[in-house]
């Protein structure tokens, strides 16, 4: 089932869901933001020492914990061929292709040189069963959830040390504005966070 919350705007105005983190990107008819919802997974520790995390609302993420993001956007225009591109640093990994992404067109790939992971998500529209073109109807507010895990070893195979600050994830929303026929592309970057990891010792020496 499509996991997209759609709210019809009842008064004239452009609304973005309450901002919690990230940069806001907008043009005259569309606004989007990559929001950090929760930095980690219960249970919580008494402090944020190495390997610990005291809260879901701080900028600390334990290795193997999941950080919850949302791509929140609102539009006055009708959008078509809507594509979400999410780029993650080598220390973070998408749990799975989200259910709001159309398959088999949507993909996840990794760069073997940098370790970055990229999601190309063709967003299923408001009515995906009858809409093959990923159409988002006018006057919609959407919230697209993303679950991302912190790795204990990055995608290049190196241990992730305590205090590592990964490059902030970036989300780009692109497609066609049906109202004016113009292509659009908006990018939002999340707030940065610090990885909490226990010291690792090489016992082979």
N, C-alpha and C. Protein backbone atom coordinates (compact mmCIF):
# COMPACT_ATOMS: atom_id res chain seq x y z
N UNK A 1 0.86 -1.19 0.00
CA UNK A 1 0.00 0.00 0.00
C UNK A 1 0.88 1.23 0.00
N UNK A 2 0.50 2.22 -0.76
CA UNK A 2 1.26 3.46 -0.85
C UNK A 2 1.29 4.15 0.50
N UNK A 3 2.52 4.42 0.99
CA UNK A 3 2.63 5.08 2.29
C UNK A 3 2.95 6.54 2.06
N UNK A 4 1.96 7.31 1.72
CA UNK A 4 2.10 8.75 1.52
C UNK A 4 0.91 9.42 2.18
N UNK A 5 1.20 10.32 3.10
CA UNK A 5 0.12 11.08 3.70
C UNK A 5 -0.17 12.28 2.80
N UNK A 6 -1.41 12.40 2.37
CA UNK A 6 -1.80 13.49 1.48
C UNK A 6 -2.84 14.34 2.19
N UNK A 7 -2.58 15.61 2.31
CA UNK A 7 -3.50 16.53 2.96
C UNK A 7 -3.90 17.59 1.94
N UNK A 8 -5.18 17.74 1.70
CA UNK A 8 -5.65 18.77 0.78
C UNK A 8 -5.68 20.11 1.50
N UNK A 9 -5.06 21.10 0.89
CA UNK A 9 -5.05 22.44 1.47
C UNK A 9 -6.44 23.05 1.34
N UNK A 10 -6.97 23.54 2.45
CA UNK A 10 -8.33 24.06 2.48
C UNK A 10 -8.40 25.57 2.32
N UNK A 11 -7.25 26.24 2.44
CA UNK A 11 -7.24 27.67 2.21
C UNK A 11 -6.10 28.00 1.28
N UNK A 12 -6.16 29.15 0.63
CA UNK A 12 -5.09 29.53 -0.29
C UNK A 12 -3.84 29.83 0.50
N UNK A 13 -2.74 29.26 0.08
CA UNK A 13 -1.46 29.45 0.76
C UNK A 13 -0.63 28.22 0.55
N UNK A 14 0.69 28.38 0.69
CA UNK A 14 1.61 27.27 0.51
C UNK A 14 2.16 26.88 1.86
N UNK A 15 1.88 25.66 2.30
CA UNK A 15 2.27 25.22 3.64
C UNK A 15 3.31 24.12 3.54
N UNK A 16 4.29 24.19 4.42
CA UNK A 16 5.26 23.11 4.59
C UNK A 16 5.01 22.52 5.96
N UNK A 17 5.09 21.20 6.07
CA UNK A 17 4.90 20.56 7.37
C UNK A 17 5.94 21.08 8.35
N UNK A 18 5.66 21.03 9.67
CA UNK A 18 6.55 21.65 10.65
C UNK A 18 8.00 21.22 10.48
N UNK A 19 8.90 22.19 10.36
CA UNK A 19 10.31 21.91 10.12
C UNK A 19 11.00 21.47 11.40
N UNK A 20 11.77 20.38 11.32
CA UNK A 20 12.54 19.92 12.44
C UNK A 20 14.04 20.00 12.16
N UNK A 21 14.41 19.93 10.89
CA UNK A 21 15.82 20.00 10.53
C UNK A 21 15.92 20.13 9.03
N UNK A 22 17.11 20.49 8.57
CA UNK A 22 17.37 20.50 7.15
C UNK A 22 17.12 21.85 6.51
N UNK A 23 17.67 22.00 5.31
CA UNK A 23 17.48 23.23 4.56
C UNK A 23 16.19 23.13 3.76
N UNK A 24 15.50 24.24 3.61
CA UNK A 24 14.26 24.29 2.84
C UNK A 24 14.56 24.79 1.44
N UNK A 25 14.08 24.04 0.44
CA UNK A 25 14.22 24.46 -0.95
C UNK A 25 12.83 24.77 -1.49
N UNK A 26 12.71 25.86 -2.26
CA UNK A 26 11.38 26.22 -2.74
C UNK A 26 11.47 27.04 -4.02
N UNK A 27 10.36 27.01 -4.78
CA UNK A 27 10.16 27.96 -5.86
C UNK A 27 8.74 28.51 -5.70
N UNK A 28 8.19 29.12 -6.72
CA UNK A 28 6.90 29.80 -6.56
C UNK A 28 5.74 28.85 -6.31
N UNK A 29 5.88 27.58 -6.65
CA UNK A 29 4.75 26.66 -6.52
C UNK A 29 5.06 25.39 -5.74
N UNK A 30 6.30 25.23 -5.29
CA UNK A 30 6.71 23.98 -4.66
C UNK A 30 7.72 24.26 -3.57
N UNK A 31 7.58 23.54 -2.44
CA UNK A 31 8.54 23.66 -1.35
C UNK A 31 8.83 22.28 -0.80
N UNK A 32 10.10 21.99 -0.47
CA UNK A 32 10.45 20.68 0.06
C UNK A 32 11.58 20.80 1.07
N UNK A 33 11.64 19.80 1.98
CA UNK A 33 12.66 19.78 3.02
C UNK A 33 12.95 18.34 3.42
N UNK A 34 14.23 18.03 3.64
CA UNK A 34 14.64 16.75 4.21
C UNK A 34 14.73 16.93 5.72
N UNK A 35 13.79 16.34 6.44
CA UNK A 35 13.63 16.56 7.87
C UNK A 35 14.14 15.35 8.65
N UNK A 36 14.88 15.61 9.73
CA UNK A 36 15.29 14.56 10.64
C UNK A 36 14.19 14.38 11.69
N UNK A 37 13.59 13.19 11.73
CA UNK A 37 12.48 12.91 12.65
C UNK A 37 12.99 12.34 13.96
N UNK A 38 13.90 11.37 13.89
CA UNK A 38 14.44 10.75 15.11
C UNK A 38 15.85 10.26 14.83
N UNK A 39 16.79 10.63 15.71
CA UNK A 39 18.18 10.23 15.53
C UNK A 39 18.49 9.04 16.44
N UNK A 40 18.03 7.88 16.02
CA UNK A 40 18.35 6.69 16.80
C UNK A 40 17.16 5.82 17.09
N UNK A 41 17.46 4.74 17.82
CA UNK A 41 16.48 3.70 18.13
C UNK A 41 16.50 3.42 19.62
N UNK A 42 15.34 3.35 20.31
CA UNK A 42 15.33 3.02 21.74
C UNK A 42 15.98 1.63 21.95
N UNK A 43 16.52 1.34 23.16
CA UNK A 43 16.43 2.16 24.36
C UNK A 43 17.57 3.19 24.41
N UNK A 44 17.42 4.17 25.36
CA UNK A 44 18.38 5.26 25.42
C UNK A 44 19.32 5.10 26.60
N UNK A 45 20.48 5.72 26.49
CA UNK A 45 21.51 5.65 27.52
C UNK A 45 21.47 6.89 28.40
N UNK A 46 22.25 6.85 29.47
CA UNK A 46 22.28 7.99 30.40
C UNK A 46 23.09 9.15 29.85
N UNK A 47 23.97 8.87 28.88
CA UNK A 47 24.81 9.93 28.31
C UNK A 47 25.09 9.62 26.85
N UNK A 48 25.91 10.48 26.23
CA UNK A 48 26.27 10.31 24.82
C UNK A 48 27.73 9.91 24.66
N UNK A 49 28.26 9.18 25.65
CA UNK A 49 29.63 8.70 25.56
C UNK A 49 29.80 7.72 24.42
N UNK A 50 31.04 7.28 24.14
CA UNK A 50 31.29 6.37 23.02
C UNK A 50 30.38 5.14 23.05
N UNK A 51 29.62 4.94 21.99
CA UNK A 51 28.70 3.82 21.91
C UNK A 51 27.35 4.09 22.52
N UNK A 52 27.14 5.27 23.10
CA UNK A 52 25.88 5.61 23.77
C UNK A 52 25.11 6.67 22.99
N UNK A 53 23.82 6.76 23.33
CA UNK A 53 22.93 7.77 22.75
C UNK A 53 21.81 8.01 23.75
N UNK A 54 21.66 9.26 24.17
CA UNK A 54 20.73 9.56 25.26
C UNK A 54 19.34 9.99 24.79
N UNK A 55 19.15 10.20 23.48
CA UNK A 55 17.88 10.78 23.05
C UNK A 55 17.64 10.57 21.56
N UNK A 56 16.36 10.61 21.19
CA UNK A 56 15.98 10.54 19.77
C UNK A 56 16.03 11.91 19.10
N UNK A 57 16.27 12.96 19.89
CA UNK A 57 16.20 14.31 19.34
C UNK A 57 17.53 15.05 19.37
N UNK A 58 18.63 14.31 19.69
CA UNK A 58 19.94 14.96 19.66
C UNK A 58 20.59 14.72 18.30
N UNK A 59 21.83 15.15 18.16
CA UNK A 59 22.53 14.97 16.89
C UNK A 59 23.52 13.82 16.97
N UNK A 60 23.18 12.81 17.79
CA UNK A 60 24.04 11.65 18.02
C UNK A 60 23.34 10.40 17.51
N UNK A 61 24.08 9.52 16.83
CA UNK A 61 23.51 8.29 16.29
C UNK A 61 24.48 7.14 16.54
N UNK A 62 24.03 6.13 17.28
CA UNK A 62 24.87 4.95 17.53
C UNK A 62 25.02 4.13 16.25
N UNK A 63 26.15 3.46 16.09
CA UNK A 63 26.29 2.52 14.99
C UNK A 63 25.24 1.42 15.12
N UNK A 64 24.70 1.01 13.99
CA UNK A 64 23.64 0.00 13.86
C UNK A 64 22.26 0.52 14.24
N UNK A 65 22.16 1.74 14.75
CA UNK A 65 20.84 2.33 15.00
C UNK A 65 20.28 2.92 13.70
N UNK A 66 18.98 3.20 13.73
CA UNK A 66 18.30 3.74 12.55
C UNK A 66 17.93 5.20 12.79
N UNK A 67 18.23 6.03 11.82
CA UNK A 67 17.78 7.42 11.85
C UNK A 67 16.58 7.55 10.91
N UNK A 68 15.55 8.23 11.38
CA UNK A 68 14.32 8.39 10.60
C UNK A 68 14.30 9.78 9.96
N UNK A 69 14.20 9.80 8.64
CA UNK A 69 14.05 11.05 7.89
C UNK A 69 12.67 11.10 7.26
N UNK A 70 12.25 12.30 6.90
CA UNK A 70 11.08 12.48 6.05
C UNK A 70 11.41 13.53 4.99
N UNK A 71 11.04 13.23 3.76
CA UNK A 71 11.04 14.26 2.72
C UNK A 71 9.64 14.85 2.72
N UNK A 72 9.54 16.10 3.11
CA UNK A 72 8.25 16.78 3.22
C UNK A 72 8.15 17.82 2.11
N UNK A 73 7.09 17.74 1.32
CA UNK A 73 6.94 18.77 0.29
C UNK A 73 5.48 19.08 0.04
N UNK A 74 5.26 20.30 -0.41
CA UNK A 74 3.91 20.77 -0.73
C UNK A 74 3.95 21.46 -2.08
N UNK A 75 2.84 21.38 -2.78
CA UNK A 75 2.81 21.92 -4.14
C UNK A 75 1.47 22.55 -4.48
N UNK A 76 1.51 23.66 -5.19
CA UNK A 76 0.32 24.24 -5.80
C UNK A 76 0.12 23.67 -7.20
N UNK A 77 1.22 23.27 -7.84
CA UNK A 77 1.17 22.82 -9.23
C UNK A 77 0.94 21.31 -9.29
N UNK A 78 0.50 20.85 -10.44
CA UNK A 78 0.46 19.41 -10.71
C UNK A 78 1.85 18.98 -11.16
N UNK A 79 2.38 17.92 -10.53
CA UNK A 79 3.73 17.45 -10.82
C UNK A 79 3.66 16.10 -11.52
N UNK A 80 4.53 15.92 -12.49
CA UNK A 80 4.55 14.67 -13.24
C UNK A 80 5.99 14.16 -13.35
N UNK A 81 6.12 12.84 -13.54
CA UNK A 81 7.44 12.19 -13.63
C UNK A 81 8.30 12.57 -12.43
N UNK A 82 7.71 12.47 -11.25
CA UNK A 82 8.36 12.96 -10.03
C UNK A 82 9.42 11.97 -9.56
N UNK A 83 10.65 12.46 -9.42
CA UNK A 83 11.79 11.62 -9.03
C UNK A 83 12.41 12.17 -7.76
N UNK A 84 12.59 11.31 -6.77
CA UNK A 84 13.33 11.65 -5.55
C UNK A 84 14.70 10.99 -5.62
N UNK A 85 15.75 11.80 -5.50
CA UNK A 85 17.11 11.28 -5.45
C UNK A 85 17.68 11.54 -4.07
N UNK A 86 18.07 10.48 -3.37
CA UNK A 86 18.65 10.60 -2.03
C UNK A 86 20.09 10.12 -2.09
N UNK A 87 21.03 10.97 -1.65
CA UNK A 87 22.45 10.60 -1.63
C UNK A 87 22.90 10.50 -0.18
N UNK A 88 23.41 9.31 0.20
CA UNK A 88 23.87 9.06 1.56
C UNK A 88 25.38 8.90 1.59
N UNK A 89 26.03 9.35 2.67
CA UNK A 89 27.47 9.16 2.81
C UNK A 89 27.79 7.69 3.07
N UNK A 90 29.08 7.36 3.02
CA UNK A 90 29.50 5.96 3.13
C UNK A 90 29.19 5.34 4.49
N UNK A 91 28.96 6.16 5.52
CA UNK A 91 28.71 5.64 6.86
C UNK A 91 27.24 5.32 7.11
N UNK A 92 26.35 5.70 6.20
CA UNK A 92 24.91 5.49 6.36
C UNK A 92 24.38 4.64 5.22
N UNK A 93 23.31 3.87 5.51
CA UNK A 93 22.78 2.96 4.50
C UNK A 93 21.25 2.92 4.58
N UNK A 94 20.62 3.04 3.44
CA UNK A 94 19.17 2.93 3.37
C UNK A 94 18.75 1.51 3.73
N UNK A 95 17.73 1.40 4.60
CA UNK A 95 17.26 0.08 5.02
C UNK A 95 16.68 -0.71 3.85
N UNK A 96 15.91 -0.06 3.01
CA UNK A 96 15.26 -0.72 1.88
C UNK A 96 14.71 0.35 0.95
N UNK A 97 14.35 -0.05 -0.27
CA UNK A 97 13.67 0.90 -1.14
C UNK A 97 12.29 1.17 -0.54
N UNK A 98 11.97 2.43 -0.26
CA UNK A 98 10.69 2.75 0.39
C UNK A 98 9.50 2.32 -0.45
N UNK A 99 8.38 1.98 0.20
CA UNK A 99 7.21 1.49 -0.53
C UNK A 99 6.52 2.53 -1.40
N UNK A 100 6.85 3.82 -1.21
CA UNK A 100 6.25 4.84 -2.08
C UNK A 100 7.01 4.98 -3.39
N UNK A 101 8.09 4.21 -3.57
CA UNK A 101 8.85 4.24 -4.82
C UNK A 101 8.33 3.17 -5.77
N UNK A 102 8.15 3.54 -7.02
CA UNK A 102 7.64 2.60 -8.02
C UNK A 102 8.74 1.61 -8.42
N UNK A 103 8.37 0.33 -8.49
CA UNK A 103 9.28 -0.72 -8.92
C UNK A 103 8.80 -1.25 -10.27
N UNK A 104 9.73 -1.71 -11.13
CA UNK A 104 11.17 -1.87 -10.89
C UNK A 104 11.99 -0.64 -11.26
N UNK A 105 11.35 0.48 -11.57
CA UNK A 105 12.08 1.66 -12.04
C UNK A 105 13.01 2.23 -10.97
N UNK A 106 12.63 2.13 -9.70
CA UNK A 106 13.42 2.71 -8.61
C UNK A 106 14.59 1.79 -8.26
N UNK A 107 15.74 2.40 -7.96
CA UNK A 107 16.95 1.61 -7.69
C UNK A 107 17.77 2.22 -6.56
N UNK A 108 18.63 1.37 -5.97
CA UNK A 108 19.65 1.82 -5.01
C UNK A 108 20.99 1.34 -5.52
N UNK A 109 21.98 2.24 -5.54
CA UNK A 109 23.31 1.87 -6.02
C UNK A 109 24.37 2.50 -5.13
N UNK A 110 25.58 1.92 -5.16
CA UNK A 110 26.70 2.43 -4.38
C UNK A 110 27.87 2.75 -5.30
N UNK A 111 28.58 3.83 -4.98
CA UNK A 111 29.78 4.22 -5.70
C UNK A 111 30.98 3.52 -5.07
N UNK A 112 31.66 2.67 -5.82
CA UNK A 112 32.77 1.90 -5.26
C UNK A 112 33.98 2.76 -4.91
N UNK A 113 34.07 3.95 -5.48
CA UNK A 113 35.20 4.83 -5.18
C UNK A 113 34.98 5.65 -3.92
N UNK A 114 33.77 6.17 -3.74
CA UNK A 114 33.49 7.06 -2.60
C UNK A 114 32.69 6.38 -1.49
N UNK A 115 32.02 5.27 -1.82
CA UNK A 115 31.16 4.61 -0.85
C UNK A 115 29.80 5.24 -0.71
N UNK A 116 29.53 6.32 -1.44
CA UNK A 116 28.22 6.96 -1.35
C UNK A 116 27.13 6.04 -1.92
N UNK A 117 25.95 6.11 -1.30
CA UNK A 117 24.80 5.33 -1.76
C UNK A 117 23.75 6.28 -2.32
N UNK A 118 23.15 5.91 -3.45
CA UNK A 118 22.17 6.77 -4.10
C UNK A 118 20.87 6.01 -4.35
N UNK A 119 19.78 6.58 -3.86
CA UNK A 119 18.44 6.08 -4.16
C UNK A 119 17.85 6.91 -5.28
N UNK A 120 17.40 6.26 -6.34
CA UNK A 120 16.62 6.90 -7.39
C UNK A 120 15.20 6.37 -7.26
N UNK A 121 14.31 7.20 -6.75
CA UNK A 121 12.95 6.79 -6.41
C UNK A 121 11.94 7.48 -7.31
N UNK A 122 11.30 6.72 -8.16
CA UNK A 122 10.21 7.24 -8.98
C UNK A 122 8.96 7.20 -8.11
N UNK A 123 8.52 8.37 -7.67
CA UNK A 123 7.45 8.44 -6.68
C UNK A 123 6.12 8.03 -7.29
N UNK A 124 5.46 7.07 -6.63
CA UNK A 124 4.11 6.73 -7.03
C UNK A 124 3.21 7.90 -6.69
N UNK A 125 2.34 8.28 -7.60
CA UNK A 125 1.53 9.47 -7.42
C UNK A 125 0.37 9.28 -6.47
N UNK A 126 -0.54 10.25 -6.45
CA UNK A 126 -1.70 10.18 -5.56
C UNK A 126 -2.60 8.99 -5.86
N UNK A 127 -2.58 8.53 -7.11
CA UNK A 127 -3.41 7.39 -7.50
C UNK A 127 -2.58 6.48 -8.41
N UNK A 128 -1.61 5.74 -7.84
CA UNK A 128 -0.65 5.00 -8.67
C UNK A 128 -1.28 3.90 -9.51
N UNK A 129 -2.43 3.36 -9.09
CA UNK A 129 -3.05 2.28 -9.86
C UNK A 129 -3.47 2.75 -11.25
N UNK A 130 -3.92 4.00 -11.34
CA UNK A 130 -4.40 4.52 -12.63
C UNK A 130 -3.47 5.58 -13.20
N UNK A 131 -2.35 5.81 -12.54
CA UNK A 131 -1.46 6.90 -12.93
C UNK A 131 -0.04 6.38 -13.14
N UNK A 132 0.33 6.04 -14.38
CA UNK A 132 1.66 5.51 -14.63
C UNK A 132 2.75 6.57 -14.67
N UNK A 133 2.38 7.85 -14.59
CA UNK A 133 3.35 8.92 -14.80
C UNK A 133 3.77 9.64 -13.52
N UNK A 134 3.53 9.02 -12.36
CA UNK A 134 3.94 9.61 -11.08
C UNK A 134 3.41 11.03 -10.93
N UNK A 135 2.12 11.20 -11.11
CA UNK A 135 1.51 12.53 -11.00
C UNK A 135 1.14 12.84 -9.57
N UNK A 136 1.58 14.00 -9.08
CA UNK A 136 1.18 14.52 -7.78
C UNK A 136 0.18 15.64 -8.04
N UNK A 137 -1.00 15.51 -7.45
CA UNK A 137 -2.07 16.47 -7.72
C UNK A 137 -1.78 17.82 -7.09
N UNK A 138 -2.35 18.90 -7.63
CA UNK A 138 -2.16 20.23 -7.03
C UNK A 138 -2.75 20.29 -5.62
N UNK A 139 -2.26 21.25 -4.83
CA UNK A 139 -2.75 21.48 -3.47
C UNK A 139 -2.58 20.24 -2.61
N UNK A 140 -1.38 19.63 -2.67
CA UNK A 140 -1.08 18.46 -1.86
C UNK A 140 0.11 18.74 -0.95
N UNK A 141 0.08 18.12 0.22
CA UNK A 141 1.22 18.11 1.14
C UNK A 141 1.58 16.65 1.37
N UNK A 142 2.81 16.27 1.09
CA UNK A 142 3.22 14.88 1.20
C UNK A 142 4.39 14.74 2.16
N UNK A 143 4.41 13.61 2.85
CA UNK A 143 5.50 13.30 3.77
C UNK A 143 5.98 11.89 3.47
N UNK A 144 7.23 11.77 3.02
CA UNK A 144 7.76 10.50 2.56
C UNK A 144 8.81 10.00 3.55
N UNK A 145 8.53 8.92 4.31
CA UNK A 145 9.45 8.45 5.35
C UNK A 145 10.61 7.63 4.78
N UNK A 146 11.79 7.83 5.37
CA UNK A 146 13.00 7.11 4.98
C UNK A 146 13.69 6.58 6.23
N UNK A 147 14.04 5.30 6.23
CA UNK A 147 14.77 4.69 7.35
C UNK A 147 16.20 4.42 6.92
N UNK A 148 17.17 4.98 7.66
CA UNK A 148 18.58 4.90 7.29
C UNK A 148 19.37 4.38 8.48
N UNK A 149 20.23 3.39 8.25
CA UNK A 149 21.01 2.78 9.33
C UNK A 149 22.44 3.31 9.34
N UNK A 150 22.98 3.49 10.56
CA UNK A 150 24.39 3.86 10.73
C UNK A 150 25.23 2.58 10.74
N UNK A 151 26.24 2.53 9.91
CA UNK A 151 27.07 1.33 9.78
C UNK A 151 28.21 1.35 10.78
N UNK A 152 28.60 0.16 11.25
CA UNK A 152 29.80 0.06 12.09
C UNK A 152 31.06 0.00 11.22
N UNK A 153 30.91 -0.49 9.99
CA UNK A 153 31.96 -0.40 8.97
C UNK A 153 31.33 0.26 7.75
N UNK A 154 32.03 1.26 7.21
CA UNK A 154 31.45 1.97 6.07
C UNK A 154 31.50 1.10 4.82
N UNK A 155 30.94 1.60 3.74
CA UNK A 155 30.84 0.80 2.52
C UNK A 155 32.18 0.59 1.82
N UNK A 156 33.22 1.25 2.29
CA UNK A 156 34.57 0.98 1.78
C UNK A 156 35.30 -0.03 2.66
N UNK A 157 34.62 -0.51 3.73
CA UNK A 157 35.18 -1.54 4.59
C UNK A 157 35.95 -1.04 5.79
N UNK A 158 35.98 0.27 6.02
CA UNK A 158 36.73 0.83 7.15
C UNK A 158 35.83 0.97 8.37
N UNK A 159 36.38 0.73 9.59
CA UNK A 159 35.59 0.93 10.80
C UNK A 159 35.16 2.40 10.93
N UNK A 160 33.95 2.59 11.42
CA UNK A 160 33.45 3.95 11.67
C UNK A 160 33.77 4.30 13.11
N UNK A 161 34.66 5.28 13.32
CA UNK A 161 35.11 5.62 14.67
C UNK A 161 34.17 6.57 15.37
N UNK A 162 34.26 6.56 16.70
CA UNK A 162 33.45 7.45 17.51
C UNK A 162 33.73 8.91 17.15
N UNK A 163 32.69 9.70 17.06
CA UNK A 163 32.84 11.12 16.74
C UNK A 163 32.86 11.43 15.25
N UNK A 164 32.80 10.39 14.40
CA UNK A 164 32.74 10.63 12.96
C UNK A 164 31.50 11.47 12.62
N UNK A 165 31.69 12.50 11.80
CA UNK A 165 30.58 13.33 11.34
C UNK A 165 30.42 13.09 9.84
N UNK A 166 29.47 12.24 9.44
CA UNK A 166 29.30 11.94 8.02
C UNK A 166 28.84 13.18 7.24
N UNK A 167 29.13 13.18 5.96
CA UNK A 167 28.56 14.20 5.08
C UNK A 167 27.04 14.15 5.19
N UNK A 168 26.42 15.30 5.29
CA UNK A 168 24.96 15.34 5.47
C UNK A 168 24.25 14.76 4.26
N UNK A 169 23.26 13.88 4.48
CA UNK A 169 22.46 13.37 3.36
C UNK A 169 21.77 14.51 2.61
N UNK A 170 21.57 14.30 1.32
CA UNK A 170 20.91 15.31 0.48
C UNK A 170 19.80 14.66 -0.33
N UNK A 171 18.65 15.32 -0.38
CA UNK A 171 17.51 14.84 -1.16
C UNK A 171 17.19 15.85 -2.25
N UNK A 172 16.99 15.35 -3.46
CA UNK A 172 16.61 16.20 -4.60
C UNK A 172 15.29 15.72 -5.16
N UNK A 173 14.36 16.63 -5.32
CA UNK A 173 13.06 16.33 -5.92
C UNK A 173 13.03 16.98 -7.30
N UNK A 174 12.74 16.19 -8.31
CA UNK A 174 12.74 16.73 -9.68
C UNK A 174 11.57 16.14 -10.46
N UNK A 175 11.28 16.76 -11.58
CA UNK A 175 10.18 16.31 -12.42
C UNK A 175 9.71 17.42 -13.33
N UNK A 176 8.43 17.39 -13.68
CA UNK A 176 7.85 18.38 -14.58
C UNK A 176 6.66 19.05 -13.92
N UNK A 177 6.66 20.38 -13.95
CA UNK A 177 5.51 21.17 -13.50
C UNK A 177 4.51 21.21 -14.66
N UNK A 178 3.40 20.48 -14.50
CA UNK A 178 2.43 20.37 -15.59
C UNK A 178 1.79 21.72 -15.90
N UNK A 179 1.66 22.58 -14.89
CA UNK A 179 1.00 23.88 -15.08
C UNK A 179 1.72 24.75 -16.10
N UNK A 180 3.07 24.72 -16.07
CA UNK A 180 3.82 25.58 -16.99
C UNK A 180 4.71 24.79 -17.96
N UNK A 181 4.72 23.46 -17.81
CA UNK A 181 5.51 22.62 -18.71
C UNK A 181 7.00 22.65 -18.45
N UNK A 182 7.42 23.31 -17.36
CA UNK A 182 8.83 23.46 -17.06
C UNK A 182 9.33 22.34 -16.14
N UNK A 183 10.59 21.95 -16.35
CA UNK A 183 11.23 21.01 -15.43
C UNK A 183 11.57 21.73 -14.13
N UNK A 184 11.53 21.00 -13.02
CA UNK A 184 11.92 21.58 -11.73
C UNK A 184 12.91 20.64 -11.04
N UNK A 185 13.72 21.21 -10.16
CA UNK A 185 14.66 20.43 -9.36
C UNK A 185 14.97 21.22 -8.09
N UNK A 186 14.65 20.64 -6.94
CA UNK A 186 14.89 21.26 -5.64
C UNK A 186 15.70 20.30 -4.78
N UNK A 187 16.71 20.83 -4.07
CA UNK A 187 17.56 20.00 -3.22
C UNK A 187 17.55 20.52 -1.79
N UNK A 188 17.42 19.60 -0.83
CA UNK A 188 17.47 19.93 0.59
C UNK A 188 18.47 19.01 1.27
N UNK A 189 19.26 19.58 2.18
CA UNK A 189 20.27 18.82 2.93
C UNK A 189 19.86 18.75 4.39
N UNK A 190 20.01 17.57 4.99
CA UNK A 190 19.64 17.40 6.40
C UNK A 190 20.69 18.03 7.31
N UNK A 191 20.34 18.18 8.59
CA UNK A 191 21.32 18.59 9.58
C UNK A 191 22.38 17.50 9.74
N UNK A 192 23.59 17.89 10.14
CA UNK A 192 24.66 16.92 10.35
C UNK A 192 24.47 16.23 11.70
N UNK A 193 25.12 15.08 11.86
CA UNK A 193 25.07 14.33 13.11
C UNK A 193 26.42 13.68 13.36
N UNK A 194 26.60 13.19 14.59
CA UNK A 194 27.85 12.55 15.00
C UNK A 194 27.58 11.09 15.32
N UNK A 195 28.48 10.22 14.84
CA UNK A 195 28.35 8.79 15.10
C UNK A 195 28.93 8.45 16.47
N UNK A 196 28.17 7.68 17.24
CA UNK A 196 28.62 7.20 18.55
C UNK A 196 29.00 5.73 18.43
N UNK A 197 30.29 5.43 18.65
CA UNK A 197 30.78 4.06 18.47
C UNK A 197 31.73 3.71 19.60
N UNK A 198 31.67 2.46 20.04
CA UNK A 198 32.61 2.00 21.07
C UNK A 198 33.97 1.75 20.43
N UNK A 199 35.06 1.95 21.20
CA UNK A 199 36.40 1.68 20.66
C UNK A 199 36.53 0.24 20.21
N UNK A 200 37.26 0.04 19.11
CA UNK A 200 37.51 -1.31 18.59
C UNK A 200 39.00 -1.62 18.74
N UNK A 201 39.29 -2.83 19.16
CA UNK A 201 40.67 -3.23 19.37
C UNK A 201 41.01 -4.38 18.43
N UNK A 202 42.21 -4.31 17.86
CA UNK A 202 42.68 -5.37 16.97
C UNK A 202 43.35 -6.44 17.81
N UNK A 203 42.67 -7.58 18.01
CA UNK A 203 43.19 -8.64 18.86
C UNK A 203 44.02 -9.65 18.08
N UNK A 204 44.25 -9.37 16.79
CA UNK A 204 45.02 -10.32 15.98
C UNK A 204 46.51 -10.10 16.10
N UNK A 205 46.92 -8.93 16.68
CA UNK A 205 48.35 -8.62 16.77
C UNK A 205 48.94 -9.21 18.04
